[in-house]
Amino acid sequence: MSGQHEGTTPEERRRRRKAAIVRWSAAGRWVLRVALLVHKVVEIVVDSFPDS
């Protein structure tokens, strides 16, 4: 392969992009789960306080 650096083939780039997407979607799911948990906790805390 003349003039091509290692790891810059279209196949390698595609594989790397797919891995990045998988990593980001996994992180997104985790963030969503934490946000839901926080929302629930906030709801409970607000409910436990008497309305001002």
C-alpha atoms as a PDB file:
ATOM      1  CA  MET A   1       0.000   0.000   0.000  1.00  0.00           C
ATOM      2  CA  SER A   2       1.816   3.067  -1.197  1.00  0.00           C
ATOM      3  CA  GLY A   3       1.133   6.452   0.392  1.00  0.00           C
ATOM      4  CA  GLN A   4      -1.330   5.141   2.975  1.00  0.00           C
ATOM      5  CA  HIS A   5      -0.640   5.326   6.673  1.00  0.00           C
ATOM      6  CA  GLU A   6      -1.462   2.352   8.844  1.00  0.00           C
ATOM      7  CA  GLY A   7      -5.057   2.250  10.056  1.00  0.00           C
ATOM      8  CA  THR A   8      -6.433   4.713   7.511  1.00  0.00           C
ATOM      9  CA  THR A   9      -8.142   2.219   5.234  1.00  0.00           C
ATOM     10  CA  PRO A  10     -11.883   2.805   4.761  1.00  0.00           C
ATOM     11  CA  GLU A  11     -12.589  -0.466   6.574  1.00  0.00           C
ATOM     12  CA  GLU A  12     -10.518   0.570   9.603  1.00  0.00           C
ATOM     13  CA  ARG A  13     -12.170   3.993   9.691  1.00  0.00           C
ATOM     14  CA  ARG A  14     -15.607   2.388   9.493  1.00  0.00           C
ATOM     15  CA  ARG A  15     -14.794   0.009  12.337  1.00  0.00           C
ATOM     16  CA  ARG A  16     -13.489   2.860  14.487  1.00  0.00           C
ATOM     17  CA  ARG A  17     -16.569   4.995  13.799  1.00  0.00           C
ATOM     18  CA  LYS A  18     -18.882   2.107  14.683  1.00  0.00           C
ATOM     19  CA  ALA A  19     -17.013   1.534  17.955  1.00  0.00           C
ATOM     20  CA  ALA A  20     -17.299   5.236  18.807  1.00  0.00           C
ATOM     21  CA  ILE A  21     -21.048   5.226  18.083  1.00  0.00           C
ATOM     22  CA  VAL A  22     -21.555   2.161  20.276  1.00  0.00           C
ATOM     23  CA  ARG A  23     -19.566   3.776  23.072  1.00  0.00           C
ATOM     24  CA  TRP A  24     -21.554   7.022  22.828  1.00  0.00           C
ATOM     25  CA  SER A  25     -24.938   5.279  22.751  1.00  0.00           C
ATOM     26  CA  ALA A  26     -23.970   3.244  25.821  1.00  0.00           C
ATOM     27  CA  ALA A  27     -22.927   6.450  27.598  1.00  0.00           C
ATOM     28  CA  GLY A  28     -26.178   8.106  26.502  1.00  0.00           C
ATOM     29  CA  ARG A  29     -28.235   5.276  27.954  1.00  0.00           C
ATOM     30  CA  TRP A  30     -26.336   5.543  31.242  1.00  0.00           C
ATOM     31  CA  VAL A  31     -26.858   9.318  31.388  1.00  0.00           C
ATOM     32  CA  LEU A  32     -30.560   8.831  30.685  1.00  0.00           C
ATOM     33  CA  ARG A  33     -30.837   6.288  33.504  1.00  0.00           C
ATOM     34  CA  VAL A  34     -29.091   8.635  35.957  1.00  0.00           C
ATOM     35  CA  ALA A  35     -31.295  11.547  34.880  1.00  0.00           C
ATOM     36  CA  LEU A  36     -34.429   9.451  35.452  1.00  0.00           C
ATOM     37  CA  LEU A  37     -33.169   8.426  38.881  1.00  0.00           C
ATOM     38  CA  VAL A  38     -32.396  12.036  39.835  1.00  0.00           C
ATOM     39  CA  HIS A  39     -35.819  13.138  38.600  1.00  0.00           C
ATOM     40  CA  LYS A  40     -37.513  10.493  40.744  1.00  0.00           C
ATOM     41  CA  VAL A  41     -35.496  11.471  43.829  1.00  0.00           C
ATOM     42  CA  VAL A  42     -36.296  15.156  43.301  1.00  0.00           C
ATOM     43  CA  GLU A  43     -39.996  14.307  42.950  1.00  0.00           C
ATOM     44  CA  ILE A  44     -39.946  12.347  46.217  1.00  0.00           C
ATOM     45  CA  VAL A  45     -38.085  15.123  48.051  1.00  0.00           C
ATOM     46  CA  VAL A  46     -40.462  17.797  46.738  1.00  0.00           C
ATOM     47  CA  ASP A  47     -43.479  15.668  47.689  1.00  0.00           C
ATOM     48  CA  SER A  48     -42.143  15.183  51.218  1.00  0.00           C
ATOM     49  CA  PHE A  49     -42.036  18.949  51.758  1.00  0.00           C
ATOM     50  CA  PRO A  50     -45.342  20.652  52.585  1.00  0.00           C
ATOM     51  CA  ASP A  51     -46.491  23.054  49.898  1.00  0.00           C
ATOM     52  CA  SER A  52     -45.468  26.581  50.750  1.00  0.00           C
END
